[in-house]
């Protein structure tokens, strides 16, 4: 019996139990992948915020405010992911004590 047939025979509850058990084991997961949209997302900004963003984009000699905002958002997400990883490690260390 191959893995696909085995999964078809499992109940939803059994699958949930397997996923929950694997969620606690980092070795059960593949490395994260980066996914990019082909179509950019549009986001409306209040005029005051857009003006401030345009000022800093020019100050940093960015080709466009969109490029500057993209860089700022990427930097912030990298920061948040690093902070989240540290908290996760800290919690794992505390729970293993």
PDB file of N, CA and C in Angstrom:
ATOM      1  N   UNK A   1       0.856  -1.178   0.000  1.00  0.00           N
ATOM      2  CA  UNK A   1       0.000   0.000   0.000  1.00  0.00           C
ATOM      3  C   UNK A   1       0.899   1.237   0.000  1.00  0.00           C
ATOM      4  N   UNK A   2       0.696   2.114  -0.975  1.00  0.00           N
ATOM      5  CA  UNK A   2       1.539   3.307  -1.014  1.00  0.00           C
ATOM      6  C   UNK A   2       1.000   4.386  -0.077  1.00  0.00           C
ATOM      7  N   UNK A   3       1.782   5.425   0.095  1.00  0.00           N
ATOM      8  CA  UNK A   3       1.454   6.490   1.060  1.00  0.00           C
ATOM      9  C   UNK A   3       0.127   7.182   0.725  1.00  0.00           C
ATOM     10  N   UNK A   4      -0.154   7.380  -0.573  1.00  0.00           N
ATOM     11  CA  UNK A   4      -1.393   8.050  -0.970  1.00  0.00           C
ATOM     12  C   UNK A   4      -2.610   7.231  -0.569  1.00  0.00           C
ATOM     13  N   UNK A   5      -2.572   5.932  -0.801  1.00  0.00           N
ATOM     14  CA  UNK A   5      -3.695   5.076  -0.403  1.00  0.00           C
ATOM     15  C   UNK A   5      -3.848   5.054   1.115  1.00  0.00           C
ATOM     16  N   UNK A   6      -2.723   5.052   1.811  1.00  0.00           N
ATOM     17  CA  UNK A   6      -2.759   5.047   3.272  1.00  0.00           C
ATOM     18  C   UNK A   6      -3.434   6.314   3.797  1.00  0.00           C
ATOM     19  N   UNK A   7      -3.103   7.456   3.195  1.00  0.00           N
ATOM     20  CA  UNK A   7      -3.702   8.713   3.631  1.00  0.00           C
ATOM     21  C   UNK A   7      -5.191   8.765   3.335  1.00  0.00           C
ATOM     22  N   UNK A   8      -5.611   8.166   2.245  1.00  0.00           N
ATOM     23  CA  UNK A   8      -7.033   8.169   1.906  1.00  0.00           C
ATOM     24  C   UNK A   8      -7.843   7.378   2.925  1.00  0.00           C
ATOM     25  N   UNK A   9      -7.228   6.418   3.583  1.00  0.00           N
ATOM     26  CA  UNK A   9      -7.952   5.576   4.520  1.00  0.00           C
ATOM     27  C   UNK A   9      -7.975   6.167   5.931  1.00  0.00           C
ATOM     28  N   UNK A  10      -7.185   7.187   6.166  1.00  0.00           N
ATOM     29  CA  UNK A  10      -7.170   7.813   7.483  1.00  0.00           C
ATOM     30  C   UNK A  10      -8.359   8.757   7.617  1.00  0.00           C
ATOM     31  N   UNK A  11      -8.905   8.804   8.798  1.00  0.00           N
ATOM     32  CA  UNK A  11      -9.999   9.746   9.050  1.00  0.00           C
ATOM     33  C   UNK A  11      -9.415  11.149   9.209  1.00  0.00           C
ATOM     34  N   UNK A  12     -10.272  12.137   9.146  1.00  0.00           N
ATOM     35  CA  UNK A  12      -9.824  13.511   9.318  1.00  0.00           C
ATOM     36  C   UNK A  12      -9.191  13.698  10.696  1.00  0.00           C
ATOM     37  N   UNK A  13      -9.758  13.063  11.698  1.00  0.00           N
ATOM     38  CA  UNK A  13      -9.219  13.166  13.057  1.00  0.00           C
ATOM     39  C   UNK A  13      -7.826  12.542  13.131  1.00  0.00           C
ATOM     40  N   UNK A  14      -7.635  11.403  12.467  1.00  0.00           N
ATOM     41  CA  UNK A  14      -6.325  10.756  12.478  1.00  0.00           C
ATOM     42  C   UNK A  14      -5.278  11.635  11.785  1.00  0.00           C
ATOM     43  N   UNK A  15      -5.678  12.232  10.674  1.00  0.00           N
ATOM     44  CA  UNK A  15      -4.757  13.122   9.966  1.00  0.00           C
ATOM     45  C   UNK A  15      -4.407  14.317  10.848  1.00  0.00           C
ATOM     46  N   UNK A  16      -5.403  14.890  11.520  1.00  0.00           N
ATOM     47  CA  UNK A  16      -5.153  16.012  12.433  1.00  0.00           C
ATOM     48  C   UNK A  16      -4.161  15.624  13.521  1.00  0.00           C
ATOM     49  N   UNK A  17      -4.314  14.439  14.078  1.00  0.00           N
ATOM     50  CA  UNK A  17      -3.411  13.982  15.139  1.00  0.00           C
ATOM     51  C   UNK A  17      -1.982  13.848  14.622  1.00  0.00           C
ATOM     52  N   UNK A  18      -1.828  13.328  13.395  1.00  0.00           N
ATOM     53  CA  UNK A  18      -0.492  13.189  12.802  1.00  0.00           C
ATOM     54  C   UNK A  18       0.133  14.568  12.590  1.00  0.00           C
ATOM     55  N   UNK A  19      -0.646  15.488  12.037  1.00  0.00           N
ATOM     56  CA  UNK A  19      -0.130  16.833  11.761  1.00  0.00           C
ATOM     57  C   UNK A  19       0.243  17.545  13.058  1.00  0.00           C
ATOM     58  N   UNK A  20      -0.581  17.425  14.072  1.00  0.00           N
ATOM     59  CA  UNK A  20      -0.287  18.063  15.358  1.00  0.00           C
ATOM     60  C   UNK A  20       0.987  17.480  15.965  1.00  0.00           C
ATOM     61  N   UNK A  21       1.137  16.165  15.895  1.00  0.00           N
ATOM     62  CA  UNK A  21       2.349  15.531  16.426  1.00  0.00           C
ATOM     63  C   UNK A  21       3.585  16.007  15.659  1.00  0.00           C
ATOM     64  N   UNK A  22       3.475  16.105  14.331  1.00  0.00           N
ATOM     65  CA  UNK A  22       4.615  16.543  13.525  1.00  0.00           C
ATOM     66  C   UNK A  22       4.899  18.031  13.702  1.00  0.00           C
ATOM     67  N   UNK A  23       3.895  18.804  14.050  1.00  0.00           N
ATOM     68  CA  UNK A  23       4.102  20.249  14.191  1.00  0.00           C
ATOM     69  C   UNK A  23       5.066  20.569  15.323  1.00  0.00           C
ATOM     70  N   UNK A  24       5.179  19.681  16.259  1.00  0.00           N
ATOM     71  CA  UNK A  24       6.086  19.901  17.398  1.00  0.00           C
ATOM     72  C   UNK A  24       7.509  19.416  17.108  1.00  0.00           C
ATOM     73  N   UNK A  25       7.689  18.743  15.960  1.00  0.00           N
ATOM     74  CA  UNK A  25       8.984  18.178  15.602  1.00  0.00           C
ATOM     75  C   UNK A  25       9.524  18.902  14.370  1.00  0.00           C
ATOM     76  N   UNK A  26      10.509  19.774  14.556  1.00  0.00           N
ATOM     77  CA  UNK A  26      11.055  20.541  13.435  1.00  0.00           C
ATOM     78  C   UNK A  26      11.645  19.647  12.346  1.00  0.00           C
ATOM     79  N   UNK A  27      12.085  18.444  12.706  1.00  0.00           N
ATOM     80  CA  UNK A  27      12.658  17.537  11.706  1.00  0.00           C
ATOM     81  C   UNK A  27      11.610  17.004  10.740  1.00  0.00           C
ATOM     82  N   UNK A  28      10.345  17.089  11.091  1.00  0.00           N
ATOM     83  CA  UNK A  28       9.275  16.569  10.239  1.00  0.00           C
ATOM     84  C   UNK A  28       8.924  17.525   9.103  1.00  0.00           C
ATOM     85  N   UNK A  29       9.469  18.731   9.141  1.00  0.00           N
ATOM     86  CA  UNK A  29       9.102  19.746   8.157  1.00  0.00           C
ATOM     87  C   UNK A  29      10.255  20.033   7.214  1.00  0.00           C
ATOM     88  N   UNK A  30       9.905  20.363   5.974  1.00  0.00           N
ATOM     89  CA  UNK A  30      10.909  20.769   5.000  1.00  0.00           C
ATOM     90  C   UNK A  30      11.343  22.205   5.299  1.00  0.00           C
ATOM     91  N   UNK A  31      12.423  22.609   4.661  1.00  0.00           N
ATOM     92  CA  UNK A  31      12.887  23.989   4.822  1.00  0.00           C
ATOM     93  C   UNK A  31      11.840  24.938   4.245  1.00  0.00           C
ATOM     94  N   UNK A  32      11.675  26.119   4.845  1.00  0.00           N
ATOM     95  CA  UNK A  32      10.699  27.074   4.310  1.00  0.00           C
ATOM     96  C   UNK A  32      11.085  27.518   2.902  1.00  0.00           C
ATOM     97  N   UNK A  33      10.087  27.856   2.118  1.00  0.00           N
ATOM     98  CA  UNK A  33      10.333  28.336   0.764  1.00  0.00           C
ATOM     99  C   UNK A  33       9.785  29.753   0.632  1.00  0.00           C
ATOM    100  N   UNK A  34      10.369  30.506  -0.270  1.00  0.00           N
ATOM    101  CA  UNK A  34       9.894  31.864  -0.540  1.00  0.00           C
ATOM    102  C   UNK A  34       8.902  31.808  -1.698  1.00  0.00           C
ATOM    103  N   UNK A  35       7.807  32.495  -1.542  1.00  0.00           N
ATOM    104  CA  UNK A  35       6.778  32.533  -2.580  1.00  0.00           C
ATOM    105  C   UNK A  35       6.531  33.988  -2.942  1.00  0.00           C
ATOM    106  N   UNK A  36       6.501  34.264  -4.228  1.00  0.00           N
ATOM    107  CA  UNK A  36       6.251  35.630  -4.688  1.00  0.00           C
ATOM    108  C   UNK A  36       5.012  35.641  -5.575  1.00  0.00           C
ATOM    109  N   UNK A  37       4.226  36.679  -5.447  1.00  0.00           N
ATOM    110  CA  UNK A  37       3.063  36.867  -6.312  1.00  0.00           C
ATOM    111  C   UNK A  37       3.521  37.437  -7.649  1.00  0.00           C
ATOM    112  N   UNK A  38       2.874  36.997  -8.717  1.00  0.00           N
ATOM    113  CA  UNK A  38       3.152  37.583 -10.023  1.00  0.00           C
ATOM    114  C   UNK A  38       2.514  38.962 -10.143  1.00  0.00           C
ATOM    115  N   UNK A  39       1.364  39.126  -9.509  1.00  0.00           N
ATOM    116  CA  UNK A  39       0.634  40.389  -9.581  1.00  0.00           C
ATOM    117  C   UNK A  39       0.866  41.146  -8.275  1.00  0.00           C
ATOM    118  N   UNK A  40       1.393  42.364  -8.355  1.00  0.00           N
ATOM    119  CA  UNK A  40       1.619  43.116  -7.118  1.00  0.00           C
ATOM    120  C   UNK A  40       0.307  43.444  -6.409  1.00  0.00           C
ATOM    121  N   UNK A  41       0.380  43.526  -5.112  1.00  0.00           N
ATOM    122  CA  UNK A  41      -0.782  43.888  -4.310  1.00  0.00           C
ATOM    123  C   UNK A  41      -0.841  45.405  -4.173  1.00  0.00           C
ATOM    124  N   UNK A  42      -2.023  45.937  -4.280  1.00  0.00           N
ATOM    125  CA  UNK A  42      -2.220  47.372  -4.113  1.00  0.00           C
ATOM    126  C   UNK A  42      -2.649  47.645  -2.683  1.00  0.00           C
ATOM    127  N   UNK A  43      -2.058  48.675  -2.106  1.00  0.00           N
ATOM    128  CA  UNK A  43      -2.409  49.039  -0.745  1.00  0.00           C
ATOM    129  C   UNK A  43      -2.617  50.552  -0.701  1.00  0.00           C
ATOM    130  N   UNK A  44      -3.759  50.968  -0.211  1.00  0.00           N
ATOM    131  CA  UNK A  44      -4.048  52.396  -0.098  1.00  0.00           C
ATOM    132  C   UNK A  44      -3.468  52.933   1.202  1.00  0.00           C
ATOM    133  N   UNK A  45      -2.782  54.059   1.095  1.00  0.00           N
ATOM    134  CA  UNK A  45      -2.203  54.713   2.273  1.00  0.00           C
ATOM    135  C   UNK A  45      -2.872  56.066   2.466  1.00  0.00           C
ATOM    136  N   UNK A  46      -3.064  56.464   3.709  1.00  0.00           N
ATOM    137  CA  UNK A  46      -3.548  57.826   3.944  1.00  0.00           C
ATOM    138  C   UNK A  46      -2.546  58.819   3.343  1.00  0.00           C
ATOM    139  N   UNK A  47      -3.030  59.952   2.883  1.00  0.00           N
ATOM    140  CA  UNK A  47      -2.164  60.906   2.177  1.00  0.00           C
ATOM    141  C   UNK A  47      -0.973  61.351   3.023  1.00  0.00           C
ATOM    142  N   UNK A  48      -1.184  61.550   4.312  1.00  0.00           N
ATOM    143  CA  UNK A  48      -0.080  61.958   5.179  1.00  0.00           C
ATOM    144  C   UNK A  48       1.014  60.903   5.247  1.00  0.00           C
ATOM    145  N   UNK A  49       0.619  59.655   5.354  1.00  0.00           N
ATOM    146  CA  UNK A  49       1.596  58.564   5.406  1.00  0.00           C
ATOM    147  C   UNK A  49       2.311  58.419   4.064  1.00  0.00           C
ATOM    148  N   UNK A  50       1.576  58.559   2.969  1.00  0.00           N
ATOM    149  CA  UNK A  50       2.180  58.477   1.636  1.00  0.00           C
ATOM    150  C   UNK A  50       3.200  59.598   1.435  1.00  0.00           C
ATOM    151  N   UNK A  51       2.884  60.776   1.922  1.00  0.00           N
ATOM    152  CA  UNK A  51       3.804  61.915   1.816  1.00  0.00           C
ATOM    153  C   UNK A  51       5.073  61.656   2.614  1.00  0.00           C
ATOM    154  N   UNK A  52       4.916  61.154   3.811  1.00  0.00           N
ATOM    155  CA  UNK A  52       6.084  60.832   4.647  1.00  0.00           C
ATOM    156  C   UNK A  52       6.941  59.757   3.996  1.00  0.00           C
ATOM    157  N   UNK A  53       6.289  58.734   3.435  1.00  0.00           N
ATOM    158  CA  UNK A  53       7.022  57.659   2.760  1.00  0.00           C
ATOM    159  C   UNK A  53       7.777  58.207   1.550  1.00  0.00           C
ATOM    160  N   UNK A  54       7.139  59.072   0.779  1.00  0.00           N
ATOM    161  CA  UNK A  54       7.791  59.663  -0.394  1.00  0.00           C
ATOM    162  C   UNK A  54       9.014  60.484   0.022  1.00  0.00           C
ATOM    163  N   UNK A  55       8.898  61.218   1.125  1.00  0.00           N
ATOM    164  CA  UNK A  55      10.025  62.006   1.626  1.00  0.00           C
ATOM    165  C   UNK A  55      11.221  61.101   1.928  1.00  0.00           C
ATOM    166  N   UNK A  56      10.979  60.005   2.654  1.00  0.00           N
ATOM    167  CA  UNK A  56      12.089  59.126   3.031  1.00  0.00           C
ATOM    168  C   UNK A  56      12.629  58.346   1.838  1.00  0.00           C
ATOM    169  N   UNK A  57      11.780  58.041   0.880  1.00  0.00           N
ATOM    170  CA  UNK A  57      12.262  57.382  -0.339  1.00  0.00           C
ATOM    171  C   UNK A  57      13.247  58.294  -1.067  1.00  0.00           C
ATOM    172  N   UNK A  58      12.915  59.578  -1.163  1.00  0.00           N
ATOM    173  CA  UNK A  58      13.825  60.541  -1.792  1.00  0.00           C
ATOM    174  C   UNK A  58      15.089  60.719  -0.965  1.00  0.00           C
ATOM    175  N   UNK A  59      14.938  60.805   0.337  1.00  0.00           N
ATOM    176  CA  UNK A  59      16.080  60.973   1.230  1.00  0.00           C
ATOM    177  C   UNK A  59      17.086  59.835   1.052  1.00  0.00           C
ATOM    178  N   UNK A  60      16.576  58.628   0.848  1.00  0.00           N
ATOM    179  CA  UNK A  60      17.435  57.452   0.678  1.00  0.00           C
ATOM    180  C   UNK A  60      17.771  57.183  -0.784  1.00  0.00           C
ATOM    181  N   UNK A  61      17.422  58.137  -1.644  1.00  0.00           N
ATOM    182  CA  UNK A  61      17.739  58.064  -3.074  1.00  0.00           C
ATOM    183  C   UNK A  61      17.228  56.779  -3.732  1.00  0.00           C
ATOM    184  N   UNK A  62      16.031  56.384  -3.351  1.00  0.00           N
ATOM    185  CA  UNK A  62      15.401  55.205  -3.949  1.00  0.00           C
ATOM    186  C   UNK A  62      14.738  55.619  -5.260  1.00  0.00           C
ATOM    187  N   UNK A  63      14.699  54.710  -6.232  1.00  0.00           N
ATOM    188  CA  UNK A  63      14.098  55.054  -7.524  1.00  0.00           C
ATOM    189  C   UNK A  63      12.602  55.363  -7.435  1.00  0.00           C
ATOM    190  N   UNK A  64      11.934  54.793  -6.430  1.00  0.00           N
ATOM    191  CA  UNK A  64      10.497  55.051  -6.276  1.00  0.00           C
ATOM    192  C   UNK A  64      10.093  54.816  -4.829  1.00  0.00           C
ATOM    193  N   UNK A  65       8.983  55.402  -4.452  1.00  0.00           N
ATOM    194  CA  UNK A  65       8.458  55.184  -3.103  1.00  0.00           C
ATOM    195  C   UNK A  65       8.046  53.721  -2.942  1.00  0.00           C
ATOM    196  N   UNK A  66       7.554  53.105  -4.023  1.00  0.00           N
ATOM    197  CA  UNK A  66       7.161  51.691  -3.952  1.00  0.00           C
ATOM    198  C   UNK A  66       8.356  50.810  -3.605  1.00  0.00           C
ATOM    199  N   UNK A  67       9.494  51.087  -4.250  1.00  0.00           N
ATOM    200  CA  UNK A  67      10.716  50.320  -3.981  1.00  0.00           C
ATOM    201  C   UNK A  67      11.164  50.521  -2.531  1.00  0.00           C
ATOM    202  N   UNK A  68      11.109  51.760  -2.047  1.00  0.00           N
ATOM    203  CA  UNK A  68      11.501  52.036  -0.672  1.00  0.00           C
ATOM    204  C   UNK A  68      10.586  51.306   0.303  1.00  0.00           C
ATOM    205  N   UNK A  69       9.260  51.369   0.059  1.00  0.00           N
ATOM    206  CA  UNK A  69       8.311  50.670   0.932  1.00  0.00           C
ATOM    207  C   UNK A  69       8.542  49.163   0.903  1.00  0.00           C
ATOM    208  N   UNK A  70       8.812  48.606  -0.277  1.00  0.00           N
ATOM    209  CA  UNK A  70       9.078  47.172  -0.381  1.00  0.00           C
ATOM    210  C   UNK A  70      10.288  46.799   0.483  1.00  0.00           C
ATOM    211  N   UNK A  71      11.353  47.604   0.397  1.00  0.00           N
ATOM    212  CA  UNK A  71      12.548  47.335   1.208  1.00  0.00           C
ATOM    213  C   UNK A  71      12.249  47.430   2.698  1.00  0.00           C
ATOM    214  N   UNK A  72      11.513  48.454   3.090  1.00  0.00           N
ATOM    215  CA  UNK A  72      11.171  48.636   4.503  1.00  0.00           C
ATOM    216  C   UNK A  72      10.342  47.458   5.008  1.00  0.00           C
ATOM    217  N   UNK A  73       9.367  47.040   4.220  1.00  0.00           N
ATOM    218  CA  UNK A  73       8.513  45.913   4.629  1.00  0.00           C
ATOM    219  C   UNK A  73       9.333  44.635   4.739  1.00  0.00           C
ATOM    220  N   UNK A  74      10.218  44.383   3.760  1.00  0.00           N
ATOM    221  CA  UNK A  74      11.062  43.183   3.819  1.00  0.00           C
ATOM    222  C   UNK A  74      11.965  43.203   5.049  1.00  0.00           C
ATOM    223  N   UNK A  75      12.568  44.356   5.335  1.00  0.00           N
ATOM    224  CA  UNK A  75      13.424  44.473   6.523  1.00  0.00           C
ATOM    225  C   UNK A  75      12.632  44.198   7.797  1.00  0.00           C
ATOM    226  N   UNK A  76      11.429  44.740   7.875  1.00  0.00           N
ATOM    227  CA  UNK A  76      10.608  44.554   9.076  1.00  0.00           C
ATOM    228  C   UNK A  76      10.200  43.097   9.236  1.00  0.00           C
ATOM    229  N   UNK A  77       9.837  42.450   8.138  1.00  0.00           N
ATOM    230  CA  UNK A  77       9.452  41.037   8.209  1.00  0.00           C
ATOM    231  C   UNK A  77      10.644  40.190   8.628  1.00  0.00           C
ATOM    232  N   UNK A  78      11.839  40.478   8.086  1.00  0.00           N
ATOM    233  CA  UNK A  78      13.045  39.755   8.511  1.00  0.00           C
ATOM    234  C   UNK A  78      13.268  39.922  10.011  1.00  0.00           C
ATOM    235  N   UNK A  79      13.105  41.147  10.501  1.00  0.00           N
ATOM    236  CA  UNK A  79      13.260  41.426  11.926  1.00  0.00           C
ATOM    237  C   UNK A  79      12.246  40.628  12.746  1.00  0.00           C
ATOM    238  N   UNK A  80      10.978  40.645  12.319  1.00  0.00           N
ATOM    239  CA  UNK A  80       9.918  39.933  13.049  1.00  0.00           C
ATOM    240  C   UNK A  80      10.170  38.427  13.044  1.00  0.00           C
ATOM    241  N   UNK A  81      10.616  37.879  11.907  1.00  0.00           N
ATOM    242  CA  UNK A  81      10.907  36.445  11.840  1.00  0.00           C
ATOM    243  C   UNK A  81      12.048  36.067  12.775  1.00  0.00           C
ATOM    244  N   UNK A  82      13.081  36.901  12.832  1.00  0.00           N
ATOM    245  CA  UNK A  82      14.205  36.627  13.731  1.00  0.00           C
ATOM    246  C   UNK A  82      13.753  36.686  15.187  1.00  0.00           C
ATOM    247  N   UNK A  83      12.945  37.674  15.521  1.00  0.00           N
ATOM    248  CA  UNK A  83      12.433  37.787  16.890  1.00  0.00           C
ATOM    249  C   UNK A  83      11.555  36.593  17.232  1.00  0.00           C
ATOM    250  N   UNK A  84      10.716  36.176  16.302  1.00  0.00           N
ATOM    251  CA  UNK A  84       9.845  35.024  16.519  1.00  0.00           C
ATOM    252  C   UNK A  84      10.674  33.757  16.733  1.00  0.00           C
ATOM    253  N   UNK A  85      11.730  33.583  15.941  1.00  0.00           N
ATOM    254  CA  UNK A  85      12.591  32.407  16.085  1.00  0.00           C
ATOM    255  C   UNK A  85      13.257  32.394  17.460  1.00  0.00           C
ATOM    256  N   UNK A  86      13.702  33.571  17.935  1.00  0.00           N
ATOM    257  CA  UNK A  86      14.321  33.638  19.263  1.00  0.00           C
ATOM    258  C   UNK A  86      13.320  33.285  20.356  1.00  0.00           C
ATOM    259  N   UNK A  87      12.101  33.789  20.246  1.00  0.00           N
ATOM    260  CA  UNK A  87      11.071  33.474  21.243  1.00  0.00           C
ATOM    261  C   UNK A  87      10.754  31.986  21.209  1.00  0.00           C
ATOM    262  N   UNK A  88      10.656  31.427  20.014  1.00  0.00           N
ATOM    263  CA  UNK A  88      10.362  29.999  19.867  1.00  0.00           C
ATOM    264  C   UNK A  88      11.468  29.156  20.514  1.00  0.00           C
ATOM    265  N   UNK A  89      12.731  29.536  20.275  1.00  0.00           N
ATOM    266  CA  UNK A  89      13.846  28.811  20.888  1.00  0.00           C
ATOM    267  C   UNK A  89      13.819  28.951  22.401  1.00  0.00           C
ATOM    268  N   UNK A  90      13.514  30.138  22.877  1.00  0.00           N
ATOM    269  CA  UNK A  90      13.450  30.381  24.313  1.00  0.00           C
ATOM    270  C   UNK A  90      12.360  29.533  24.960  1.00  0.00           C
ATOM    271  N   UNK A  91      11.197  29.485  24.328  1.00  0.00           N
ATOM    272  CA  UNK A  91      10.100  28.671  24.859  1.00  0.00           C
ATOM    273  C   UNK A  91      10.446  27.186  24.829  1.00  0.00           C
ATOM    274  N   UNK A  92      11.116  26.751  23.772  1.00  0.00           N
ATOM    275  CA  UNK A  92      11.519  25.350  23.675  1.00  0.00           C
ATOM    276  C   UNK A  92      12.527  25.009  24.767  1.00  0.00           C
ATOM    277  N   UNK A  93      13.455  25.941  25.032  1.00  0.00           N
ATOM    278  CA  UNK A  93      14.452  25.714  26.082  1.00  0.00           C
ATOM    279  C   UNK A  93      13.788  25.657  27.452  1.00  0.00           C
ATOM    280  N   UNK A  94      12.810  26.536  27.684  1.00  0.00           N
ATOM    281  CA  UNK A  94      12.108  26.545  28.967  1.00  0.00           C
ATOM    282  C   UNK A  94      11.293  25.271  29.168  1.00  0.00           C
ATOM    283  N   UNK A  95      10.679  24.779  28.101  1.00  0.00           N
ATOM    284  CA  UNK A  95       9.834  23.588  28.236  1.00  0.00           C
ATOM    285  C   UNK A  95      10.657  22.315  28.385  1.00  0.00           C
ATOM    286  N   UNK A  96      11.938  22.359  27.962  1.00  0.00           N
ATOM    287  CA  UNK A  96      12.775  21.166  28.095  1.00  0.00           C
ATOM    288  C   UNK A  96      13.451  21.084  29.457  1.00  0.00           C
ATOM    289  N   UNK A  97      13.332  22.141  30.244  1.00  0.00           N
ATOM    290  CA  UNK A  97      13.967  22.170  31.574  1.00  0.00           C
ATOM    291  C   UNK A  97      13.122  21.428  32.566  1.00  0.00           C
TER     292      UNK A  97
END
